[in-house]
C-alpha atoms as a PDB file:
ATOM      1  CA  MET A   1       9.687 -47.523  -2.989  1.00  0.00           C
ATOM      2  CA  ALA A   2       8.112 -45.959  -6.084  1.00  0.00           C
ATOM      3  CA  ASN A   3       4.557 -44.677  -6.294  1.00  0.00           C
ATOM      4  CA  ARG A   4       1.985 -47.296  -5.444  1.00  0.00           C
ATOM      5  CA  ASP A   5      -1.763 -47.495  -4.851  1.00  0.00           C
ATOM      6  CA  ILE A   6      -2.729 -48.122  -1.226  1.00  0.00           C
ATOM      7  CA  PRO A   7      -6.260 -48.709   0.129  1.00  0.00           C
ATOM      8  CA  PHE A   8      -7.455 -45.670   2.086  1.00  0.00           C
ATOM      9  CA  VAL A   9      -8.151 -47.819   5.146  1.00  0.00           C
ATOM     10  CA  GLN A  10      -4.433 -48.611   5.429  1.00  0.00           C
ATOM     11  CA  LEU A  11      -3.329 -44.983   5.647  1.00  0.00           C
ATOM     12  CA  MET A  12      -2.546 -44.149   9.257  1.00  0.00           C
ATOM     13  CA  LYS A  13      -2.431 -40.696  10.835  1.00  0.00           C
ATOM     14  CA  ALA A  14       0.453 -39.887  13.197  1.00  0.00           C
ATOM     15  CA  GLY A  15       0.453 -37.407  16.076  1.00  0.00           C
ATOM     16  CA  TYR A  16       2.271 -34.705  14.136  1.00  0.00           C
ATOM     17  CA  ASN A  17      -0.495 -34.440  11.528  1.00  0.00           C
ATOM     18  CA  ARG A  18      -3.275 -31.894  11.959  1.00  0.00           C
ATOM     19  CA  GLY A  19      -6.964 -32.698  12.148  1.00  0.00           C
ATOM     20  CA  ILE A  20      -9.136 -32.885   9.071  1.00  0.00           C
ATOM     21  CA  SER A  21     -10.712 -29.597   7.970  1.00  0.00           C
ATOM     22  CA  ARG A  22     -14.187 -30.278   6.595  1.00  0.00           C
ATOM     23  CA  THR A  23     -14.119 -26.961   4.759  1.00  0.00           C
ATOM     24  CA  HIS A  24     -10.950 -27.902   2.921  1.00  0.00           C
ATOM     25  CA  VAL A  25     -12.138 -31.432   2.111  1.00  0.00           C
ATOM     26  CA  ASN A  26     -15.412 -30.087   0.706  1.00  0.00           C
ATOM     27  CA  LYS A  27     -13.549 -27.515  -1.389  1.00  0.00           C
ATOM     28  CA  ILE A  28     -11.393 -30.252  -2.921  1.00  0.00           C
ATOM     29  CA  LYS A  29     -14.486 -32.350  -3.624  1.00  0.00           C
ATOM     30  CA  ASN A  30     -16.308 -29.447  -5.269  1.00  0.00           C
ATOM     31  CA  ASP A  31     -13.331 -28.553  -7.488  1.00  0.00           C
ATOM     32  CA  PHE A  32     -12.027 -32.071  -8.032  1.00  0.00           C
ATOM     33  CA  HIS A  33     -10.081 -32.846 -11.229  1.00  0.00           C
ATOM     34  CA  GLU A  34      -8.230 -36.139 -11.579  1.00  0.00           C
ATOM     35  CA  ASP A  35      -5.423 -34.549 -13.578  1.00  0.00           C
ATOM     36  CA  MET A  36      -4.610 -32.298 -10.602  1.00  0.00           C
ATOM     37  CA  VAL A  37      -4.259 -35.127  -8.073  1.00  0.00           C
ATOM     38  CA  GLN A  38      -0.828 -35.373  -6.487  1.00  0.00           C
ATOM     39  CA  PRO A  39       0.516 -38.546  -4.847  1.00  0.00           C
ATOM     40  CA  ALA A  40       0.073 -38.567  -1.079  1.00  0.00           C
ATOM     41  CA  ILE A  41       3.407 -38.505   0.757  1.00  0.00           C
ATOM     42  CA  VAL A  42       3.512 -41.633   2.914  1.00  0.00           C
ATOM     43  CA  SER A  43       6.101 -43.236   5.172  1.00  0.00           C
ATOM     44  CA  PHE A  44       6.286 -47.011   5.464  1.00  0.00           C
ATOM     45  CA  ARG A  45       7.331 -47.622   9.062  1.00  0.00           C
ATOM     46  CA  ASP A  46       6.796 -50.552  11.413  1.00  0.00           C
ATOM     47  CA  GLY A  47       4.732 -52.342   8.788  1.00  0.00           C
ATOM     48  CA  LYS A  48       2.252 -49.475   8.412  1.00  0.00           C
ATOM     49  CA  TYR A  49       1.702 -46.581   6.005  1.00  0.00           C
ATOM     50  CA  TRP A  50       1.775 -43.202   7.761  1.00  0.00           C
ATOM     51  CA  ILE A  51       0.378 -40.310   5.739  1.00  0.00           C
ATOM     52  CA  ILE A  52       2.544 -37.192   5.919  1.00  0.00           C
ATOM     53  CA  ASP A  53       1.074 -34.900   3.271  1.00  0.00           C
ATOM     54  CA  HIS A  54      -2.098 -34.581   1.141  1.00  0.00           C
ATOM     55  CA  GLN A  55      -4.353 -36.128   3.767  1.00  0.00           C
ATOM     56  CA  HIS A  56      -7.191 -33.768   2.791  1.00  0.00           C
ATOM     57  CA  GLN A  57      -6.925 -34.772  -0.846  1.00  0.00           C
ATOM     58  CA  SER A  58      -6.943 -38.451   0.172  1.00  0.00           C
ATOM     59  CA  GLN A  59     -10.000 -37.915   2.362  1.00  0.00           C
ATOM     60  CA  ALA A  60     -11.795 -36.180  -0.514  1.00  0.00           C
ATOM     61  CA  ILE A  61     -11.027 -39.031  -2.945  1.00  0.00           C
ATOM     62  CA  TYR A  62     -12.243 -41.538  -0.362  1.00  0.00           C
ATOM     63  CA  GLU A  63     -15.541 -39.677   0.061  1.00  0.00           C
ATOM     64  CA  LEU A  64     -16.002 -39.174  -3.682  1.00  0.00           C
ATOM     65  CA  ASN A  65     -15.771 -42.955  -3.986  1.00  0.00           C
ATOM     66  CA  GLY A  66     -18.700 -43.528  -1.636  1.00  0.00           C
ATOM     67  CA  SER A  67     -16.512 -43.702   1.477  1.00  0.00           C
ATOM     68  CA  ASN A  68     -15.294 -47.103   0.391  1.00  0.00           C
ATOM     69  CA  PRO A  69     -12.422 -48.067   2.725  1.00  0.00           C
ATOM     70  CA  ASN A  70     -10.734 -49.902  -0.147  1.00  0.00           C
ATOM     71  CA  THR A  71     -10.543 -46.756  -2.289  1.00  0.00           C
ATOM     72  CA  LEU A  72      -7.043 -46.744  -3.795  1.00  0.00           C
ATOM     73  CA  ILE A  73      -4.884 -43.713  -3.043  1.00  0.00           C
ATOM     74  CA  THR A  74      -1.783 -43.126  -5.146  1.00  0.00           C
ATOM     75  CA  CYS A  75       1.109 -42.645  -2.744  1.00  0.00           C
ATOM     76  CA  ASP A  76       4.736 -41.617  -2.909  1.00  0.00           C
ATOM     77  CA  VAL A  77       6.072 -44.056  -0.322  1.00  0.00           C
ATOM     78  CA  LYS A  78       9.164 -43.173   1.715  1.00  0.00           C
ATOM     79  CA  THR A  79      11.083 -45.832   3.641  1.00  0.00           C
ATOM     80  CA  GLY A  80      13.626 -45.720   6.438  1.00  0.00           C
ATOM     81  CA  LEU A  81      12.211 -42.639   8.154  1.00  0.00           C
ATOM     82  CA  THR A  82      11.921 -42.434  11.938  1.00  0.00           C
ATOM     83  CA  TYR A  83       8.866 -40.859  13.554  1.00  0.00           C
ATOM     84  CA  GLU A  84      10.888 -37.698  14.221  1.00  0.00           C
ATOM     85  CA  GLN A  85      12.073 -37.536  10.603  1.00  0.00           C
ATOM     86  CA  GLU A  86       8.483 -37.902   9.408  1.00  0.00           C
ATOM     87  CA  ALA A  87       7.425 -35.036  11.665  1.00  0.00           C
ATOM     88  CA  ASP A  88      10.266 -32.883  10.356  1.00  0.00           C
ATOM     89  CA  LEU A  89       9.270 -33.657   6.752  1.00  0.00           C
ATOM     90  CA  TYR A  90       5.629 -32.863   7.566  1.00  0.00           C
ATOM     91  CA  TYR A  91       6.660 -29.510   9.025  1.00  0.00           C
ATOM     92  CA  ARG A  92       8.905 -28.624   6.065  1.00  0.00           C
ATOM     93  CA  LEU A  93       6.276 -29.610   3.503  1.00  0.00           C
ATOM     94  CA  ASN A  94       3.627 -27.532   5.237  1.00  0.00           C
ATOM     95  CA  THR A  95       5.644 -24.451   6.203  1.00  0.00           C
ATOM     96  CA  GLY A  96       3.873 -21.444   4.746  1.00  0.00           C
ATOM     97  CA  SER A  97       0.603 -23.313   4.296  1.00  0.00           C
ATOM     98  CA  LYS A  98      -2.423 -21.141   5.060  1.00  0.00           C
ATOM     99  CA  LEU A  99      -4.195 -24.271   6.265  1.00  0.00           C
ATOM    100  CA  LEU A 100      -1.578 -24.910   8.922  1.00  0.00           C
ATOM    101  CA  SER A 101      -2.154 -22.915  12.099  1.00  0.00           C
ATOM    102  CA  SER A 102       0.656 -21.703  14.329  1.00  0.00           C
ATOM    103  CA  ALA A 103      -0.254 -24.466  16.785  1.00  0.00           C
ATOM    104  CA  ASP A 104      -0.061 -27.096  14.021  1.00  0.00           C
ATOM    105  CA  LYS A 105       3.387 -25.874  13.002  1.00  0.00           C
ATOM    106  CA  ILE A 106       4.713 -25.903  16.559  1.00  0.00           C
ATOM    107  CA  ILE A 107       3.235 -29.342  17.193  1.00  0.00           C
ATOM    108  CA  GLY A 108       5.003 -30.573  14.072  1.00  0.00           C
ATOM    109  CA  GLN A 109       8.295 -29.142  15.301  1.00  0.00           C
ATOM    110  CA  VAL A 110       7.753 -30.622  18.765  1.00  0.00           C
ATOM    111  CA  GLU A 111       7.115 -34.072  17.308  1.00  0.00           C
ATOM    112  CA  ALA A 112      10.283 -33.645  15.226  1.00  0.00           C
ATOM    113  CA  LYS A 113      12.138 -33.013  18.515  1.00  0.00           C
ATOM    114  CA  ASP A 114      13.220 -29.506  17.493  1.00  0.00           C
ATOM    115  CA  PRO A 115      15.025 -28.170  20.624  1.00  0.00           C
ATOM    116  CA  LYS A 116      13.546 -24.659  20.415  1.00  0.00           C
ATOM    117  CA  ALA A 117      10.013 -25.959  19.933  1.00  0.00           C
ATOM    118  CA  LEU A 118      10.462 -28.372  22.861  1.00  0.00           C
ATOM    119  CA  GLU A 119      11.629 -25.505  25.064  1.00  0.00           C
ATOM    120  CA  PHE A 120       8.608 -23.449  24.012  1.00  0.00           C
ATOM    121  CA  ARG A 121       6.243 -26.335  24.767  1.00  0.00           C
ATOM    122  CA  ASP A 122       7.827 -26.871  28.180  1.00  0.00           C
ATOM    123  CA  ILE A 123       7.314 -23.211  29.098  1.00  0.00           C
ATOM    124  CA  VAL A 124       3.699 -23.266  27.943  1.00  0.00           C
ATOM    125  CA  GLU A 125       2.928 -26.478  29.846  1.00  0.00           C
ATOM    126  CA  SER A 126       4.757 -25.341  32.996  1.00  0.00           C
ATOM    127  CA  CYS A 127       2.352 -22.378  33.096  1.00  0.00           C
ATOM    128  CA  GLY A 128      -0.692 -24.641  32.913  1.00  0.00           C
ATOM    129  CA  TYR A 129      -1.489 -24.436  29.202  1.00  0.00           C
ATOM    130  CA  THR A 130      -1.299 -26.838  26.275  1.00  0.00           C
ATOM    131  CA  ILE A 131      -0.528 -26.368  22.579  1.00  0.00           C
ATOM    132  CA  GLY A 132      -3.341 -27.667  20.420  1.00  0.00           C
ATOM    133  CA  GLY A 133      -6.559 -29.338  21.483  1.00  0.00           C
ATOM    134  CA  PHE A 134      -9.822 -27.813  22.639  1.00  0.00           C
ATOM    135  CA  SER A 135      -9.613 -27.705  26.428  1.00  0.00           C
ATOM    136  CA  THR A 136     -10.144 -24.544  28.474  1.00  0.00           C
ATOM    137  CA  ASN A 137      -6.382 -24.427  29.051  1.00  0.00           C
ATOM    138  CA  THR A 138      -5.438 -24.571  25.378  1.00  0.00           C
ATOM    139  CA  LEU A 139      -3.155 -21.687  24.446  1.00  0.00           C
ATOM    140  CA  ARG A 140      -5.249 -19.635  22.003  1.00  0.00           C
ATOM    141  CA  ALA A 141      -2.501 -17.364  20.746  1.00  0.00           C
ATOM    142  CA  VAL A 142       0.356 -19.688  19.844  1.00  0.00           C
ATOM    143  CA  GLY A 143       1.670 -17.307  17.174  1.00  0.00           C
ATOM    144  CA  ALA A 144       1.813 -14.334  19.556  1.00  0.00           C
ATOM    145  CA  ALA A 145       3.438 -16.445  22.269  1.00  0.00           C
ATOM    146  CA  TRP A 146       5.973 -17.882  19.826  1.00  0.00           C
ATOM    147  CA  ARG A 147       7.033 -14.402  18.673  1.00  0.00           C
ATOM    148  CA  ILE A 148       7.615 -13.302  22.266  1.00  0.00           C
ATOM    149  CA  PHE A 149       9.502 -16.505  23.006  1.00  0.00           C
ATOM    150  CA  ASN A 150      11.919 -15.845  20.129  1.00  0.00           C
ATOM    151  CA  ARG A 151      12.977 -12.443  21.456  1.00  0.00           C
ATOM    152  CA  LYS A 152      16.004 -11.944  23.662  1.00  0.00           C
ATOM    153  CA  ASP A 153      15.004 -13.176  27.142  1.00  0.00           C
ATOM    154  CA  GLY A 154      11.656 -14.016  25.541  1.00  0.00           C
ATOM    155  CA  GLY A 155      11.323 -17.326  27.321  1.00  0.00           C
ATOM    156  CA  GLU A 156      11.376 -15.672  30.741  1.00  0.00           C
ATOM    157  CA  VAL A 157       8.939 -12.979  29.665  1.00  0.00           C
ATOM    158  CA  LEU A 158       6.547 -15.497  28.109  1.00  0.00           C
ATOM    159  CA  ALA A 159       6.610 -17.642  31.232  1.00  0.00           C
ATOM    160  CA  GLU A 160       5.761 -14.591  33.341  1.00  0.00           C
ATOM    161  CA  ILE A 161       2.917 -13.567  31.031  1.00  0.00           C
ATOM    162  CA  LEU A 162       1.334 -17.012  30.921  1.00  0.00           C
ATOM    163  CA  SER A 163       1.721 -17.650  34.637  1.00  0.00           C
ATOM    164  CA  ILE A 164       0.002 -14.313  35.404  1.00  0.00           C
ATOM    165  CA  ALA A 165      -2.820 -15.090  32.971  1.00  0.00           C
ATOM    166  CA  ASN A 166      -3.421 -18.577  34.354  1.00  0.00           C
ATOM    167  CA  ALA A 167      -3.254 -17.426  37.972  1.00  0.00           C
ATOM    168  CA  SER A 168      -5.640 -14.536  37.264  1.00  0.00           C
ATOM    169  CA  TRP A 169      -8.170 -16.598  35.307  1.00  0.00           C
ATOM    170  CA  PRO A 170      -7.670 -20.303  36.040  1.00  0.00           C
ATOM    171  CA  ASN A 171      -9.538 -22.647  33.694  1.00  0.00           C
ATOM    172  CA  GLN A 172     -11.005 -19.764  31.686  1.00  0.00           C
ATOM    173  CA  ARG A 173     -10.977 -20.298  27.929  1.00  0.00           C
ATOM    174  CA  ASP A 174      -9.936 -16.756  26.968  1.00  0.00           C
ATOM    175  CA  SER A 175      -7.239 -16.264  29.592  1.00  0.00           C
ATOM    176  CA  ALA A 176      -4.375 -16.613  27.083  1.00  0.00           C
ATOM    177  CA  GLN A 177      -5.897 -14.955  24.030  1.00  0.00           C
ATOM    178  CA  ALA A 178      -3.712 -12.731  21.855  1.00  0.00           C
ATOM    179  CA  ASN A 179      -5.077  -9.423  23.160  1.00  0.00           C
ATOM    180  CA  ILE A 180      -4.344 -10.335  26.776  1.00  0.00           C
ATOM    181  CA  ILE A 181      -0.883 -11.613  25.893  1.00  0.00           C
ATOM    182  CA  HIS A 182      -0.020  -8.422  24.005  1.00  0.00           C
ATOM    183  CA  GLY A 183      -1.358  -6.230  26.826  1.00  0.00           C
ATOM    184  CA  LEU A 184       0.577  -8.093  29.523  1.00  0.00           C
ATOM    185  CA  ASP A 185       3.662  -8.090  27.337  1.00  0.00           C
ATOM    186  CA  MET A 186       3.573  -4.283  27.166  1.00  0.00           C
ATOM    187  CA  PHE A 187       2.850  -4.070  30.891  1.00  0.00           C
ATOM    188  CA  LEU A 188       5.951  -6.128  31.685  1.00  0.00           C
ATOM    189  CA  LYS A 189       8.016  -4.179  29.173  1.00  0.00           C
ATOM    190  CA  HIS A 190       7.532  -1.042  31.262  1.00  0.00           C
ATOM    191  CA  HIS A 191       6.884  -2.301  34.797  1.00  0.00           C
ATOM    192  CA  ARG A 192       8.478  -5.734  35.080  1.00  0.00           C
ATOM    193  CA  HIS A 193      10.882  -4.681  37.823  1.00  0.00           C
ATOM    194  CA  GLU A 194       8.476  -2.581  39.874  1.00  0.00           C
ATOM    195  CA  TYR A 195       5.076  -4.270  39.921  1.00  0.00           C
ATOM    196  CA  LYS A 196       3.840  -6.630  42.623  1.00  0.00           C
ATOM    197  CA  ARG A 197       2.810  -9.944  41.095  1.00  0.00           C
ATOM    198  CA  GLN A 198       0.107 -10.875  43.603  1.00  0.00           C
ATOM    199  CA  ARG A 199      -1.340  -7.383  43.452  1.00  0.00           C
ATOM    200  CA  LEU A 200      -1.695  -7.665  39.674  1.00  0.00           C
ATOM    201  CA  ILE A 201      -3.233 -11.137  39.807  1.00  0.00           C
ATOM    202  CA  LYS A 202      -5.741 -10.096  42.454  1.00  0.00           C
ATOM    203  CA  ALA A 203      -6.703  -6.998  40.456  1.00  0.00           C
ATOM    204  CA  LEU A 204      -7.117  -8.800  37.133  1.00  0.00           C
ATOM    205  CA  SER A 205      -9.089 -11.676  38.625  1.00  0.00           C
ATOM    206  CA  GLN A 206     -11.924  -9.308  39.503  1.00  0.00           C
ATOM    207  CA  ASP A 207     -13.140  -9.414  35.897  1.00  0.00           C
ATOM    208  CA  LYS A 208     -13.104 -11.866  33.013  1.00  0.00           C
ATOM    209  CA  PRO A 209     -10.356 -11.454  30.395  1.00  0.00           C
ATOM    210  CA  GLN A 210     -12.921 -10.610  27.725  1.00  0.00           C
ATOM    211  CA  THR A 211     -14.212  -7.759  29.908  1.00  0.00           C
ATOM    212  CA  ILE A 212     -10.720  -6.297  30.028  1.00  0.00           C
ATOM    213  CA  VAL A 213     -10.435  -6.600  26.238  1.00  0.00           C
ATOM    214  CA  LYS A 214     -13.777  -4.798  25.798  1.00  0.00           C
ATOM    215  CA  LYS A 215     -12.629  -2.017  28.134  1.00  0.00           C
ATOM    216  CA  GLY A 216      -9.506  -1.747  25.984  1.00  0.00           C
ATOM    217  CA  ASP A 217     -11.705  -1.325  22.903  1.00  0.00           C
ATOM    218  CA  THR A 218     -13.668   1.410  24.654  1.00  0.00           C
ATOM    219  CA  TYR A 219     -10.467   3.157  25.703  1.00  0.00           C
ATOM    220  CA  CYS A 220      -9.200   3.130  22.107  1.00  0.00           C
ATOM    221  CA  LYS A 221     -12.443   4.649  20.830  1.00  0.00           C
ATOM    222  CA  GLN A 222     -12.359   7.371  23.475  1.00  0.00           C
ATOM    223  CA  MET A 223      -8.783   8.318  22.613  1.00  0.00           C
ATOM    224  CA  ASP A 224      -9.635   8.345  18.880  1.00  0.00           C
ATOM    225  CA  SER A 225      -5.978   8.242  17.895  1.00  0.00           C
ATOM    226  CA  LYS A 226      -4.137   6.007  15.466  1.00  0.00           C
ATOM    227  CA  SER A 227      -1.146   6.100  17.803  1.00  0.00           C
ATOM    228  CA  HIS A 228      -3.058   4.040  20.356  1.00  0.00           C
ATOM    229  CA  THR A 229      -2.693   0.406  19.345  1.00  0.00           C
ATOM    230  CA  LYS A 230      -4.960  -2.320  20.712  1.00  0.00           C
ATOM    231  CA  ALA A 231      -2.058  -3.609  22.810  1.00  0.00           C
ATOM    232  CA  TYR A 232      -1.470  -0.151  24.277  1.00  0.00           C
ATOM    233  CA  CYS A 233      -5.142   0.311  25.135  1.00  0.00           C
ATOM    234  CA  ILE A 234      -5.297  -3.039  26.934  1.00  0.00           C
ATOM    235  CA  TYR A 235      -2.017  -2.267  28.698  1.00  0.00           C
ATOM    236  CA  SER A 236      -3.568   1.000  29.907  1.00  0.00           C
ATOM    237  CA  VAL A 237      -6.608  -0.851  31.230  1.00  0.00           C
ATOM    238  CA  ILE A 238      -4.361  -3.379  33.005  1.00  0.00           C
ATOM    239  CA  ASN A 239      -2.549  -0.447  34.622  1.00  0.00           C
ATOM    240  CA  GLN A 240      -5.874   0.978  35.768  1.00  0.00           C
ATOM    241  CA  TYR A 241      -6.798  -2.332  37.370  1.00  0.00           C
ATOM    242  CA  TYR A 242      -3.434  -2.502  39.102  1.00  0.00           C
ATOM    243  CA  ASN A 243      -3.601   1.069  40.455  1.00  0.00           C
ATOM    244  CA  ASP A 244      -7.238   0.968  41.564  1.00  0.00           C
ATOM    245  CA  GLY A 245      -7.378   1.631  45.306  1.00  0.00           C
ATOM    246  CA  LEU A 246      -3.626   2.153  45.683  1.00  0.00           C
ATOM    247  CA  ARG A 247      -2.222   5.191  47.481  1.00  0.00           C
ATOM    248  CA  ARG A 248       1.391   4.105  47.283  1.00  0.00           C
ATOM    249  CA  GLY A 249       3.184   2.114  44.639  1.00  0.00           C
ATOM    250  CA  ARG A 250       0.985   3.274  41.768  1.00  0.00           C
ATOM    251  CA  LEU A 251       2.365   2.644  38.283  1.00  0.00           C
ATOM    252  CA  GLU A 252       2.494   5.561  35.900  1.00  0.00           C
ATOM    253  CA  THR A 253       1.059   4.674  32.480  1.00  0.00           C
ATOM    254  CA  VAL A 254       3.676   5.206  29.790  1.00  0.00           C
ATOM    255  CA  PRO A 255       2.430   7.589  27.020  1.00  0.00           C
ATOM    256  CA  ALA A 256       1.540   5.891  23.755  1.00  0.00           C
ATOM    257  CA  ALA A 257       4.380   7.648  21.949  1.00  0.00           C
ATOM    258  CA  PHE A 258       6.904   5.844  24.155  1.00  0.00           C
ATOM    259  CA  ALA A 259       5.123   2.507  24.465  1.00  0.00           C
END
């Protein structure tokens, strides 16, 4: 099909598409110029029009026209695409977009049935977390987790990190934030084959994850050294928690220069 005008009310949103950002819609409305409008990318599937790209622009045009559901949106209509092919196109069109979060990108790849993204999702969900959404068990640091996952043996390491975090702070919103993930990642890098899992979980569960992050900040300030990264400082605090009260089996903190 060639470009055609479709009433806004007929444009459907599929699961691979991200939520509407009010900030972005308002920006488009404030800077709106008709000569800069691009056709929305739409897939005609199962008798419906599924919007793949330019949903924010379409929303802005709809609102600028008094939120009239019959507002006509110029669309570049694709035919013959499966749901998975739509999701893949959505991901490719939005790769590199500053508006697309790491979670949005992974969700797009999952919906496109990308094997690596599906494996990543399965690990995250097996550890009690979800990608996307706003629940207490939503993975907050998808980008950090994805980078670990893509390393050699990264899937095993990520699973260990997330399972420790969830067991230490079940149903706590900040349990899988980036700082905690980076700190646990460094802890496992140096002590994965010598630490006692239940000992670590019991030690960490004594405080909230944000308390541990704040103690890491304090540690960094006390050391006053550029060689002490945030991840190293949190790793050091995690080590302190682990060793507290131990006479045997204490873990020696690796110097920053070798971390």
